[in-house]
Amino acid sequence: MSKRLIECVPNFSEGRDMNVIAQITAAIESAADVKLLNVDPGEATNRTVVTFVGEPEAVVEAAFMGVKRAAEVIDMRKHSGAHPRMGATDVLPLIPISGVTLEECAQLARDLAKRIADELNIPIYCYESAAFVPERQNLAVCREGEYEGLAKKFANAQTAPDFGPKEFNDSVARTGATAVGARDFLIAVNYNLNTTSTRRANAIAFDVREKGRMLREGNPIVGTIVRDENGEPVWKPGTLKCAKAIGWYIEEYGIAQVSMNLTNISVTPLHVAFDEVCRAATARGIRITGAEIVGLVPKRALIEAGKYFLRKQRRSLGVSEEEIIKIAVKSMGLDDLKPFNPREKVIEYLLEDNAEKRLIDMTCKGFAEETASESPAPGGGSISAYMGSLGAALGAMVANLSSHKPGWDDRWEEFSNWAEKGQTLMNELLHLVDEDTAAFNKIMAVFAMPKTTAEEKAARSQALQDATLYATEVPLRTMRASEKVFEIVKAMAEIGNPNSVSDAGVGALAARSAVLGARLNVKINASGLKDKAIAARLIAEADEIAARAEAVEKEVLAIVEEKIG
């Protein structure tokens, strides 16, 4: 069962005073069991986007502490900035990451909203999935009129907050109001323009955002607004679904930007939005010089973008994750205004357990030395998986070299597909390098279990059988994955770049060694299983894979020898 995790991305109305920002983030971190992932202040917007994750209860407590401290150190009567805002804590969304539904986040948000209002006396609007009325699902509706319009909104029962004070008193004048909600993952991105014109930035924003612009007769800017039979303005939709956007001038950078929120990247991915903003800007004689990710971005958005731009270049997609992300960063100019470090901006990387020591993160020399040490792990199982990964890597390499071979440009996609298969198998086998060692460690952990009473002995015996079965199944998975490598290296020996045919041959040799090496681990670990029927079944499958591997290795080497001559 996956761990229950949610993310919180509060926006605080202070982006210039680092001392104030530090006090707020310290309050957030004072709550136990949350991980602060990112703090992204903006001077021109005078706004800081903070991102933290944890289990739901911990995140809710940390969010409350952050709101409390922000109300103490931010005075909205003195605030100004380029970004729309209505409170010291302007927005406070809860976002499901794993093991939690959006509906559950919505209820958490409503409960948190009531607590903030009751205990801190701050007016609260519930928005997006936590909204009590449909129109408040739109944050812009909740924030209409911004801070300066709160007194007027409070005087109207239709626009008054959901929780907290309904009058604009001295306390509210200081804190403003806060929007608390629940939503899916959102990407905030600003597109950098080679202009200082806010009006032109807004024109581009209106061209592309889903809401679009009001339809006018004649002149699209000053013409008479077209109205429907009810007297309401008629809107001309923009070209991007699930996109909200405005234009502004950023004094910090000396340029105008189109600021956009992508609320559903499955509908409008990041790279699609980038290309469309570029098109709209070009149509108005303006260039996009780059883009700026505000806060964090999910890894898949950059992977999809990198592959998209590689396809446009007719280049192989079967390259490393790091290379694909680099292509995405450079293609969209994410490092235009300041360095873009994926390890600091991609949510999955920040959620990784950096304390965990992985064999595959070692240098080649370090891995060899660790293997040669007196420690029994890593052993033959991990080495077999690593040999399999090298076989897959060689297959991917030949495919990539073939994809880029002069004169073979019309075959780039054919070889790109082979290279992607090789990358997938390589990554699977690299994972098995560490999993095989983990399987051995599970067995070692059983020996430390108590065995004083009959119950303890029975539990220990069962745990040993479970760990032994796992330690038998892991090298069998290595065999299955390594056998798939032969399809790639055989194809590359037959149709790939002839100058690299020997590399395909070495890939076959590595895959065969991986299969036969992992088979030895299957057999020795299966011998410890009390259930002999299961042991026999696992060994039989291992023997079948080994026989097929030896046969296909001979076929590949025969092709290689013939090509070499």
Protein backbone atom coordinates (compact mmCIF):
# COMPACT_ATOMS: atom_id res chain seq x y z
CA MET A 1 0.00 0.00 0.00
CA SER A 2 1.43 3.39 -1.00
CA LYS A 3 2.26 5.92 1.66
CA ARG A 4 -0.38 8.61 2.15
CA LEU A 5 1.18 11.84 0.91
CA ILE A 6 -0.19 15.25 0.08
CA GLU A 7 1.49 18.43 -1.05
CA CYS A 8 0.76 21.98 0.09
CA VAL A 9 1.76 25.03 -1.98
CA PRO A 10 0.86 28.18 -0.04
CA ASN A 11 1.56 31.57 -1.64
CA PHE A 12 2.59 34.25 0.88
CA SER A 13 2.42 37.97 0.12
CA GLU A 14 6.09 38.67 0.81
CA GLY A 15 8.87 38.11 -1.70
CA ARG A 16 11.50 40.68 -0.73
CA ASP A 17 12.24 40.41 2.97
CA MET A 18 14.17 37.14 3.43
CA ASN A 19 13.88 37.41 7.20
CA VAL A 20 10.09 37.40 7.04
CA ILE A 21 10.10 34.50 4.58
CA ALA A 22 12.47 32.54 6.83
CA GLN A 23 10.17 33.03 9.83
CA ILE A 24 7.23 31.61 7.88
CA THR A 25 9.13 28.58 6.57
CA ALA A 26 10.55 27.95 10.05
CA ALA A 27 6.99 27.85 11.40
CA ILE A 28 6.05 25.34 8.70
CA GLU A 29 9.03 23.14 9.53
CA SER A 30 8.23 23.32 13.24
CA ALA A 31 5.41 20.87 12.54
CA ALA A 32 6.69 17.30 12.72
CA ASP A 33 7.05 14.97 9.74
CA VAL A 34 6.85 17.41 6.83
CA LYS A 35 9.51 17.94 4.19
CA LEU A 36 10.08 21.45 2.86
CA LEU A 37 10.81 21.01 -0.84
CA ASN A 38 11.02 24.48 -2.30
CA VAL A 39 10.92 28.19 -1.41
CA ASP A 40 10.54 30.43 -4.47
CA PRO A 41 10.43 34.19 -3.72
CA GLY A 42 9.68 36.80 -6.38
CA GLU A 43 10.77 40.38 -5.91
CA ALA A 44 8.54 42.00 -8.50
CA THR A 45 5.48 39.99 -7.50
CA ASN A 46 6.38 40.45 -3.80
CA ARG A 47 5.20 36.90 -3.32
CA THR A 48 6.77 33.61 -2.21
CA VAL A 49 5.61 30.16 -3.30
CA VAL A 50 6.44 27.49 -0.70
CA THR A 51 6.13 23.75 -1.33
CA PHE A 52 6.11 21.04 1.33
CA VAL A 53 4.88 17.44 1.54
CA GLY A 54 4.04 14.83 4.13
CA GLU A 55 1.22 12.73 5.47
CA PRO A 56 -2.12 14.59 5.48
CA GLU A 57 -2.35 15.33 9.21
CA ALA A 58 1.22 16.62 9.34
CA VAL A 59 0.78 18.83 6.26
CA VAL A 60 -2.44 20.34 7.60
CA GLU A 61 -0.74 21.21 10.90
CA ALA A 62 2.28 22.71 9.10
CA ALA A 63 -0.03 24.75 6.86
CA PHE A 64 -1.85 26.15 9.88
CA MET A 65 1.46 27.11 11.51
CA GLY A 66 2.59 28.86 8.31
CA VAL A 67 -0.65 30.83 8.02
CA LYS A 68 -0.44 31.80 11.69
CA ARG A 69 3.09 33.13 11.35
CA ALA A 70 2.34 34.94 8.08
CA ALA A 71 -0.54 36.75 9.78
CA GLU A 72 1.90 37.94 12.46
CA VAL A 73 4.72 39.16 10.20
CA ILE A 74 2.93 40.44 7.05
CA ASP A 75 0.84 43.62 7.05
CA MET A 76 -1.33 43.72 3.94
CA ARG A 77 -1.93 47.48 4.39
CA LYS A 78 1.66 47.97 3.26
CA HIS A 79 1.76 45.34 0.50
CA SER A 80 2.12 45.92 -3.23
CA GLY A 81 3.24 43.63 -6.03
CA ALA A 82 2.62 42.61 -9.62
CA HIS A 83 0.64 39.46 -8.76
CA PRO A 84 -3.06 39.50 -7.81
CA ARG A 85 -3.46 38.94 -4.04
CA MET A 86 -5.93 39.38 -1.21
CA GLY A 87 -4.18 38.16 1.93
CA ALA A 88 -0.95 37.61 3.84
CA THR A 89 -1.43 33.95 2.99
CA ASP A 90 -3.06 34.46 -0.37
CA VAL A 91 -3.82 30.90 -1.47
CA LEU A 92 -3.40 27.58 0.31
CA PRO A 93 -4.06 24.52 -1.87
CA LEU A 94 -3.80 20.88 -0.76
CA ILE A 95 -2.78 18.48 -3.54
CA PRO A 96 -3.00 14.66 -3.49
CA ILE A 97 0.31 12.90 -4.25
CA SER A 98 -0.24 9.24 -3.28
CA GLY A 99 -2.71 7.19 -1.29
CA VAL A 100 -5.10 10.15 -0.95
CA THR A 101 -7.99 11.19 -3.20
CA LEU A 102 -8.81 14.72 -4.34
CA GLU A 103 -12.12 14.42 -2.46
CA GLU A 104 -10.24 13.63 0.76
CA CYS A 105 -8.02 16.66 0.19
CA ALA A 106 -11.12 18.78 -0.31
CA GLN A 107 -12.50 17.77 3.08
CA LEU A 108 -9.13 18.37 4.72
CA ALA A 109 -9.09 21.84 3.12
CA ARG A 110 -12.56 22.69 4.42
CA ASP A 111 -11.66 21.54 7.93
CA LEU A 112 -8.43 23.55 7.79
CA ALA A 113 -10.32 26.60 6.49
CA LYS A 114 -12.70 26.51 9.44
CA ARG A 115 -9.85 26.10 11.92
CA ILE A 116 -7.93 29.07 10.48
CA ALA A 117 -11.06 31.21 10.64
CA ASP A 118 -11.98 30.12 14.17
CA GLU A 119 -8.54 30.27 15.76
CA LEU A 120 -6.82 33.04 13.76
CA ASN A 121 -9.84 35.20 12.89
CA ILE A 122 -8.92 35.27 9.18
CA PRO A 123 -11.67 35.36 6.50
CA ILE A 124 -11.54 32.24 4.31
CA TYR A 125 -12.84 31.48 0.83
CA CYS A 126 -12.91 27.79 -0.15
CA TYR A 127 -11.97 27.28 -3.80
CA GLU A 128 -11.42 24.64 -6.51
CA SER A 129 -12.50 21.17 -5.28
CA ALA A 130 -13.14 22.48 -1.74
CA ALA A 131 -15.60 25.13 -2.95
CA PHE A 132 -19.11 25.10 -1.45
CA VAL A 133 -20.64 26.77 -4.53
CA PRO A 134 -19.74 26.12 -8.19
CA GLU A 135 -18.63 29.66 -9.03
CA ARG A 136 -15.97 29.58 -6.28
CA GLN A 137 -14.24 26.67 -7.93
CA ASN A 138 -12.54 29.43 -9.91
CA LEU A 139 -9.87 31.13 -7.80
CA ALA A 140 -10.27 34.35 -9.79
CA VAL A 141 -13.88 34.62 -8.56
CA CYS A 142 -12.77 34.27 -4.93
CA ARG A 143 -10.00 36.84 -5.40
CA GLU A 144 -11.98 39.31 -7.52
CA GLY A 145 -11.25 42.88 -6.44
CA GLU A 146 -8.13 41.67 -4.61
CA TYR A 147 -7.24 43.04 -1.17
CA GLU A 148 -8.55 46.50 -1.97
CA GLY A 149 -12.01 45.13 -2.75
CA LEU A 150 -12.50 43.04 0.40
CA ALA A 151 -14.59 45.59 2.32
CA LYS A 152 -17.08 45.83 -0.55
CA LYS A 153 -17.23 42.03 -0.92
CA PHE A 154 -17.84 41.51 2.79
CA ALA A 155 -20.84 43.84 2.67
CA ASN A 156 -22.61 41.55 0.19
CA ALA A 157 -23.90 38.18 1.41
CA GLN A 158 -23.26 36.69 -2.05
CA THR A 159 -19.55 37.56 -1.99
CA ALA A 160 -18.80 37.27 1.75
CA PRO A 161 -16.24 34.65 2.87
CA ASP A 162 -17.20 31.06 3.68
CA PHE A 163 -15.65 31.18 7.14
CA GLY A 164 -14.43 33.85 9.53
CA PRO A 165 -15.17 37.58 9.95
CA LYS A 166 -17.74 39.14 7.65
CA GLU A 167 -16.63 42.71 8.35
CA PHE A 168 -13.48 44.51 7.31
CA ASN A 169 -12.10 45.39 10.77
CA ASP A 170 -8.56 46.32 11.80
CA SER A 171 -7.51 42.69 12.21
CA VAL A 172 -8.74 41.79 8.71
CA ALA A 173 -7.15 44.92 7.28
CA ARG A 174 -3.81 43.53 8.44
CA THR A 175 -4.20 39.89 7.35
CA GLY A 176 -6.54 40.20 4.38
CA ALA A 177 -8.40 37.05 3.33
CA THR A 178 -7.12 33.62 2.33
CA ALA A 179 -8.33 31.13 -0.28
CA VAL A 180 -8.03 27.53 0.96
CA GLY A 181 -8.68 24.74 -1.49
CA ALA A 182 -7.82 21.38 -3.00
CA ARG A 183 -6.70 20.78 -6.55
CA ASP A 184 -4.69 18.49 -8.77
CA PHE A 185 -1.06 19.25 -9.56
CA LEU A 186 -0.67 22.63 -11.25
CA ILE A 187 2.30 24.00 -13.16
CA ALA A 188 2.95 27.71 -12.79
CA VAL A 189 5.07 28.99 -15.68
CA ASN A 190 6.02 32.47 -16.87
CA TYR A 191 7.00 33.08 -20.50
CA ASN A 192 9.72 35.70 -20.98
CA LEU A 193 9.07 38.22 -23.77
CA ASN A 194 11.46 40.46 -25.68
CA THR A 195 9.27 43.44 -24.85
CA THR A 196 8.49 45.66 -21.88
CA SER A 197 4.85 46.13 -22.90
CA THR A 198 2.32 44.80 -20.41
CA ARG A 199 -0.46 45.48 -22.92
CA ARG A 200 1.15 43.24 -25.51
CA ALA A 201 1.85 40.56 -22.89
CA ASN A 202 -1.82 40.64 -21.94
CA ALA A 203 -2.84 40.40 -25.58
CA ILE A 204 -0.84 37.18 -25.94
CA ALA A 205 -2.26 35.87 -22.66
CA PHE A 206 -5.82 36.54 -23.86
CA ASP A 207 -5.05 34.81 -27.19
CA VAL A 208 -4.11 31.54 -25.50
CA ARG A 209 -5.88 31.27 -22.13
CA GLU A 210 -9.03 29.17 -22.03
CA LYS A 211 -11.18 32.10 -20.89
CA GLY A 212 -9.99 34.18 -23.84
CA ARG A 213 -11.16 37.80 -24.17
CA MET A 214 -14.38 39.74 -24.41
CA LEU A 215 -15.68 39.94 -27.96
CA ARG A 216 -15.86 43.49 -29.35
CA GLU A 217 -17.27 45.06 -32.46
CA GLY A 218 -14.63 46.44 -34.79
CA ASN A 219 -11.50 47.30 -32.84
CA PRO A 220 -10.63 44.28 -30.57
CA ILE A 221 -9.32 46.59 -27.84
CA VAL A 222 -11.61 49.61 -27.68
CA GLY A 223 -14.57 48.45 -29.77
CA THR A 224 -18.04 48.10 -28.27
CA ILE A 225 -18.40 44.96 -26.17
CA VAL A 226 -20.68 42.35 -27.75
CA ARG A 227 -23.41 41.23 -25.33
CA ASP A 228 -25.84 38.32 -25.30
CA GLU A 229 -29.63 38.53 -24.87
CA ASN A 230 -29.17 38.86 -21.10
CA GLY A 231 -26.77 41.75 -21.47
CA GLU A 232 -23.76 39.67 -20.43
CA PRO A 233 -20.46 40.09 -22.33
CA VAL A 234 -19.74 37.45 -24.97
CA TRP A 235 -16.32 35.86 -24.60
CA LYS A 236 -14.06 34.60 -27.39
CA PRO A 237 -12.21 31.53 -25.99
CA GLY A 238 -8.45 31.21 -26.26
CA THR A 239 -6.60 28.31 -27.82
CA LEU A 240 -5.43 26.42 -24.72
CA LYS A 241 -7.74 24.37 -22.53
CA CYS A 242 -7.07 24.30 -18.76
CA ALA A 243 -4.82 27.37 -19.00
CA LYS A 244 -5.14 30.62 -17.05
CA ALA A 245 -2.93 33.54 -18.04
CA ILE A 246 -2.27 37.24 -17.60
CA GLY A 247 0.46 39.61 -18.76
CA TRP A 248 2.68 41.72 -16.53
CA TYR A 249 5.95 43.63 -16.41
CA ILE A 250 8.69 42.32 -14.11
CA GLU A 251 10.97 45.13 -13.00
CA GLU A 252 13.40 42.62 -11.50
CA TYR A 253 14.15 41.27 -15.00
CA GLY A 254 13.26 44.37 -17.04
CA ILE A 255 10.88 42.43 -19.29
CA ALA A 256 7.21 41.64 -19.69
CA GLN A 257 5.97 38.08 -19.14
CA VAL A 258 2.92 35.98 -19.84
CA SER A 259 2.17 34.34 -16.49
CA MET A 260 0.29 31.06 -16.85
CA ASN A 261 -1.19 28.33 -14.65
CA LEU A 262 -1.68 24.97 -16.34
CA THR A 263 -4.39 23.29 -14.30
CA ASN A 264 -4.43 19.94 -16.14
CA ILE A 265 -1.23 18.92 -17.90
CA SER A 266 -2.93 15.81 -19.28
CA VAL A 267 -5.14 18.13 -21.35
CA THR A 268 -2.54 20.82 -22.09
CA PRO A 269 1.03 19.63 -21.49
CA LEU A 270 3.81 22.10 -20.74
CA HIS A 271 5.46 21.78 -24.16
CA VAL A 272 2.16 22.30 -25.99
CA ALA A 273 1.54 25.48 -24.02
CA PHE A 274 5.09 26.69 -24.74
CA ASP A 275 4.74 26.21 -28.50
CA GLU A 276 1.32 27.86 -28.56
CA VAL A 277 2.51 30.92 -26.61
CA CYS A 278 5.46 31.14 -29.02
CA ARG A 279 3.06 31.05 -31.98
CA ALA A 280 0.79 33.71 -30.49
CA ALA A 281 3.76 35.92 -29.62
CA THR A 282 5.26 35.59 -33.11
CA ALA A 283 1.92 36.59 -34.64
CA ARG A 284 2.23 39.85 -32.70
CA GLY A 285 5.87 40.43 -33.66
CA ILE A 286 7.22 39.29 -30.27
CA ARG A 287 9.64 36.51 -29.34
CA ILE A 288 9.61 34.17 -26.37
CA THR A 289 13.18 34.17 -25.06
CA GLY A 290 12.58 31.48 -22.44
CA ALA A 291 10.32 30.36 -19.64
CA GLU A 292 10.41 30.33 -15.85
CA ILE A 293 8.94 27.52 -13.74
CA VAL A 294 7.54 28.91 -10.48
CA GLY A 295 7.71 26.35 -7.70
CA LEU A 296 8.03 22.71 -8.68
CA VAL A 297 7.25 20.64 -11.74
CA PRO A 298 6.38 16.92 -12.05
CA LYS A 299 9.05 14.90 -13.84
CA ARG A 300 6.68 13.61 -16.51
CA ALA A 301 6.07 17.16 -17.76
CA LEU A 302 9.77 17.57 -18.57
CA ILE A 303 10.14 14.02 -19.95
CA GLU A 304 7.17 14.56 -22.28
CA ALA A 305 8.59 17.92 -23.35
CA GLY A 306 12.09 16.55 -23.96
CA LYS A 307 10.76 13.70 -26.09
CA TYR A 308 8.52 16.11 -27.99
CA PHE A 309 11.43 18.33 -28.94
CA LEU A 310 13.64 15.34 -29.80
CA ARG A 311 10.94 14.13 -32.19
CA LYS A 312 10.84 17.55 -33.84
CA GLN A 313 14.60 17.24 -34.36
CA ARG A 314 14.14 13.67 -35.71
CA ARG A 315 16.51 12.43 -33.03
CA SER A 316 16.39 9.24 -31.00
CA LEU A 317 14.29 9.26 -27.85
CA GLY A 318 16.21 6.31 -26.43
CA VAL A 319 18.59 8.36 -24.31
CA SER A 320 18.96 8.84 -20.57
CA GLU A 321 16.40 10.60 -18.43
CA GLU A 322 18.97 13.28 -17.65
CA GLU A 323 19.57 13.95 -21.36
CA ILE A 324 15.84 14.14 -22.11
CA ILE A 325 15.30 16.65 -19.29
CA LYS A 326 18.29 18.68 -20.51
CA ILE A 327 16.69 18.89 -23.96
CA ALA A 328 13.45 20.09 -22.35
CA VAL A 329 15.25 22.76 -20.33
CA LYS A 330 17.19 24.07 -23.32
CA SER A 331 14.25 23.87 -25.74
CA MET A 332 11.98 25.96 -23.52
CA GLY A 333 14.74 28.21 -22.14
CA LEU A 334 13.99 27.29 -18.54
CA ASP A 335 17.46 28.57 -17.65
CA ASP A 336 16.97 31.90 -19.45
CA LEU A 337 16.73 34.08 -16.32
CA LYS A 338 18.55 31.91 -13.78
CA PRO A 339 20.03 28.40 -13.61
CA PHE A 340 17.51 25.55 -13.68
CA ASN A 341 18.60 22.61 -11.53
CA PRO A 342 16.24 19.63 -11.98
CA ARG A 343 17.34 18.25 -8.61
CA GLU A 344 15.86 21.37 -7.00
CA LYS A 345 12.78 21.82 -9.22
CA VAL A 346 11.45 18.33 -10.03
CA ILE A 347 9.15 17.04 -7.30
CA GLU A 348 10.07 13.35 -7.70
CA TYR A 349 13.78 14.10 -7.24
CA LEU A 350 13.08 16.08 -4.09
CA LEU A 351 11.00 13.23 -2.69
CA GLU A 352 13.82 10.73 -3.13
CA ASP A 353 15.43 9.43 0.06
CA ASN A 354 18.86 10.96 -0.33
CA ALA A 355 20.13 9.07 2.70
CA GLU A 356 19.63 5.73 0.97
CA LYS A 357 22.87 4.30 -0.35
CA ARG A 358 22.39 2.67 -3.75
CA LEU A 359 24.90 0.47 -5.54
CA ILE A 360 24.01 1.97 -8.90
CA ASP A 361 24.96 5.44 -7.68
CA MET A 362 28.56 4.30 -7.12
CA THR A 363 31.38 4.80 -9.59
CA CYS A 364 32.45 1.76 -11.61
CA LYS A 365 35.58 1.55 -9.45
CA GLY A 366 33.60 1.93 -6.23
CA PHE A 367 31.15 -0.78 -7.24
CA ALA A 368 33.98 -3.17 -8.11
CA GLU A 369 35.74 -2.45 -4.82
CA GLU A 370 32.50 -2.93 -2.84
CA THR A 371 31.98 -6.26 -4.60
CA ALA A 372 35.57 -7.34 -3.81
CA SER A 373 35.26 -6.45 -0.12
CA GLU A 374 34.62 -8.95 2.69
CA SER A 375 30.91 -8.06 2.65
CA PRO A 376 28.81 -10.86 1.05
CA ALA A 377 26.68 -8.32 -0.79
CA PRO A 378 26.67 -7.27 -3.56
CA GLY A 379 27.21 -10.75 -4.90
CA GLY A 380 26.57 -12.76 -8.02
CA GLY A 381 22.91 -11.76 -8.29
CA SER A 382 23.64 -8.03 -8.38
CA ILE A 383 26.55 -8.59 -10.77
CA SER A 384 24.28 -10.58 -13.08
CA ALA A 385 21.72 -7.79 -13.12
CA TYR A 386 24.46 -5.26 -13.84
CA MET A 387 25.79 -7.35 -16.74
CA GLY A 388 22.26 -7.50 -18.12
CA SER A 389 21.96 -3.72 -17.87
CA LEU A 390 25.22 -3.33 -19.80
CA GLY A 391 23.91 -5.63 -22.52
CA ALA A 392 20.78 -3.49 -22.81
CA ALA A 393 22.91 -0.34 -22.79
CA LEU A 394 25.01 -1.64 -25.69
CA GLY A 395 21.85 -2.45 -27.66
CA ALA A 396 20.55 1.08 -27.04
CA MET A 397 23.93 2.53 -28.04
CA VAL A 398 23.96 0.76 -31.41
CA ALA A 399 20.37 1.88 -32.01
CA ASN A 400 21.26 5.49 -31.23
CA LEU A 401 24.34 5.39 -33.46
CA SER A 402 22.17 3.94 -36.23
CA SER A 403 19.52 6.62 -35.72
CA HIS A 404 22.14 9.33 -36.23
CA LYS A 405 24.07 7.63 -39.06
CA PRO A 406 24.45 9.97 -42.06
CA GLY A 407 22.19 8.87 -44.90
CA TRP A 408 19.85 6.94 -42.57
CA ASP A 409 17.78 9.98 -41.55
CA ASP A 410 14.53 8.46 -42.82
CA ARG A 411 15.02 5.54 -40.40
CA TRP A 412 15.55 7.63 -37.25
CA GLU A 413 12.22 6.64 -35.68
CA GLU A 414 12.76 2.93 -36.32
CA PHE A 415 16.04 2.99 -34.42
CA SER A 416 14.68 5.40 -31.81
CA ASN A 417 12.06 2.78 -30.90
CA TRP A 418 14.79 0.16 -30.43
CA ALA A 419 16.83 2.56 -28.33
CA GLU A 420 13.84 3.29 -26.08
CA LYS A 421 13.35 -0.45 -25.53
CA GLY A 422 17.03 -0.72 -24.59
CA GLN A 423 16.75 2.18 -22.14
CA THR A 424 13.68 0.66 -20.49
CA LEU A 425 15.39 -2.72 -20.00
CA MET A 426 18.58 -1.05 -18.80
CA ASN A 427 16.68 0.86 -16.12
CA GLU A 428 14.75 -2.26 -15.05
CA LEU A 429 17.98 -4.23 -14.66
CA LEU A 430 19.73 -1.39 -12.84
CA HIS A 431 16.87 -1.45 -10.33
CA LEU A 432 17.41 -5.20 -9.91
CA VAL A 433 21.08 -4.60 -9.02
CA ASP A 434 20.00 -3.06 -5.73
CA GLU A 435 16.93 -5.26 -5.31
CA ASP A 436 19.04 -8.41 -5.39
CA THR A 437 21.23 -7.08 -2.60
CA ALA A 438 18.09 -6.00 -0.70
CA ALA A 439 16.78 -9.57 -1.03
CA PHE A 440 19.96 -10.93 0.55
CA ASN A 441 19.71 -8.38 3.35
CA LYS A 442 16.14 -9.51 4.08
CA ILE A 443 17.42 -13.02 4.74
CA MET A 444 20.15 -11.66 7.01
CA ALA A 445 17.56 -9.64 8.92
CA VAL A 446 15.58 -12.81 9.69
CA PHE A 447 18.54 -14.29 11.56
CA ALA A 448 18.34 -11.40 14.00
CA MET A 449 14.75 -12.23 14.92
CA PRO A 450 14.12 -13.69 18.41
CA LYS A 451 13.62 -17.46 18.71
CA THR A 452 12.96 -18.04 22.41
CA THR A 453 9.31 -19.11 22.38
CA ALA A 454 7.48 -21.46 20.07
CA GLU A 455 5.57 -18.52 18.58
CA GLU A 456 8.81 -16.63 17.92
CA LYS A 457 10.36 -19.70 16.30
CA ALA A 458 7.32 -20.17 14.06
CA ALA A 459 7.33 -16.50 13.05
CA ARG A 460 11.06 -16.66 12.36
CA SER A 461 10.69 -19.79 10.26
CA GLN A 462 7.89 -18.27 8.17
CA ALA A 463 9.83 -15.01 7.72
CA LEU A 464 12.83 -17.01 6.50
CA GLN A 465 10.70 -18.83 3.92
CA ASP A 466 9.18 -15.56 2.72
CA ALA A 467 12.62 -13.94 2.41
CA THR A 468 14.04 -16.99 0.63
CA LEU A 469 11.19 -17.03 -1.88
CA TYR A 470 11.76 -13.33 -2.55
CA ALA A 471 15.51 -13.95 -2.95
CA THR A 472 14.69 -16.67 -5.52
CA GLU A 473 12.20 -14.59 -7.48
CA VAL A 474 14.48 -11.53 -7.84
CA PRO A 475 17.22 -13.29 -9.91
CA LEU A 476 14.45 -14.95 -11.94
CA ARG A 477 13.20 -11.46 -12.78
CA THR A 478 16.76 -10.61 -13.80
CA MET A 479 16.71 -13.61 -16.15
CA ARG A 480 13.41 -12.57 -17.71
CA ALA A 481 14.58 -9.00 -18.29
CA SER A 482 18.01 -10.05 -19.60
CA GLU A 483 16.44 -12.47 -22.07
CA LYS A 484 14.55 -9.55 -23.62
CA VAL A 485 17.91 -7.89 -24.36
CA PHE A 486 18.57 -10.46 -27.09
CA GLU A 487 15.73 -9.14 -29.24
CA ILE A 488 17.44 -5.74 -29.31
CA VAL A 489 21.04 -6.83 -29.85
CA LYS A 490 20.02 -9.35 -32.53
CA ALA A 491 18.09 -6.67 -34.43
CA MET A 492 21.03 -4.28 -34.12
CA ALA A 493 23.43 -6.95 -35.39
CA GLU A 494 21.16 -7.53 -38.39
CA ILE A 495 20.03 -4.01 -39.34
CA GLY A 496 22.04 -1.60 -37.22
CA ASN A 497 25.09 0.49 -38.03
CA PRO A 498 27.60 -2.08 -39.38
CA ASN A 499 30.47 -0.18 -37.79
CA SER A 500 29.01 -1.08 -34.36
CA VAL A 501 28.12 -4.70 -35.00
CA SER A 502 30.78 -5.90 -32.55
CA ASP A 503 29.07 -3.86 -29.82
CA ALA A 504 25.85 -5.77 -30.49
CA GLY A 505 27.86 -8.98 -30.11
CA VAL A 506 29.28 -7.91 -26.78
CA GLY A 507 25.74 -7.01 -25.71
CA ALA A 508 24.67 -10.58 -26.46
CA LEU A 509 27.57 -11.95 -24.45
CA ALA A 510 26.67 -9.71 -21.50
CA ALA A 511 23.01 -10.74 -21.67
CA ARG A 512 23.92 -14.46 -21.75
CA SER A 513 26.24 -14.03 -18.76
CA ALA A 514 23.46 -12.21 -16.92
CA VAL A 515 20.98 -15.02 -17.60
CA LEU A 516 23.33 -17.85 -16.63
CA GLY A 517 24.64 -16.01 -13.58
CA ALA A 518 21.15 -15.22 -12.31
CA ARG A 519 20.17 -18.88 -12.90
CA LEU A 520 22.80 -19.99 -10.39
CA ASN A 521 21.23 -17.67 -7.81
CA VAL A 522 17.76 -19.01 -8.54
CA LYS A 523 18.98 -22.58 -7.97
CA ILE A 524 20.94 -21.95 -4.78
CA ASN A 525 18.16 -19.87 -3.19
CA ALA A 526 15.40 -22.28 -4.28
CA SER A 527 17.22 -25.07 -2.44
CA GLY A 528 16.28 -23.35 0.82
CA LEU A 529 12.53 -23.47 0.10
CA LYS A 530 10.48 -26.03 2.02
CA ASP A 531 7.79 -25.99 -0.66
CA LYS A 532 9.55 -28.19 -3.21
CA ALA A 533 6.79 -27.77 -5.80
CA ILE A 534 7.36 -24.02 -5.92
CA ALA A 535 11.14 -24.55 -5.96
CA ALA A 536 10.87 -26.98 -8.88
CA ARG A 537 8.64 -24.60 -10.83
CA LEU A 538 11.04 -21.67 -10.41
CA ILE A 539 14.09 -23.75 -11.34
CA ALA A 540 12.31 -25.17 -14.39
CA GLU A 541 11.52 -21.68 -15.67
CA ALA A 542 15.12 -20.61 -15.05
CA ASP A 543 16.43 -23.62 -17.00
CA GLU A 544 14.14 -22.85 -19.94
CA ILE A 545 15.26 -19.21 -20.09
CA ALA A 546 18.92 -20.26 -19.88
CA ALA A 547 18.54 -22.72 -22.75
CA ARG A 548 16.87 -20.12 -24.96
CA ALA A 549 19.53 -17.53 -24.07
CA GLU A 550 22.40 -19.83 -25.06
CA ALA A 551 20.72 -20.62 -28.36
CA VAL A 552 19.98 -17.01 -29.33
CA GLU A 553 23.46 -15.89 -28.24
CA LYS A 554 24.93 -18.26 -30.85
CA GLU A 555 22.61 -16.80 -33.49
CA VAL A 556 23.68 -13.23 -32.67
CA LEU A 557 27.38 -14.10 -32.64
CA ALA A 558 27.05 -15.87 -36.00
CA ILE A 559 25.53 -12.70 -37.49
CA VAL A 560 28.30 -10.59 -35.95
CA GLU A 561 31.06 -12.86 -37.25
CA GLU A 562 29.56 -12.81 -40.73
CA LYS A 563 29.28 -9.00 -40.73
CA ILE A 564 32.85 -8.60 -39.48
CA GLY A 565 34.06 -11.11 -42.08
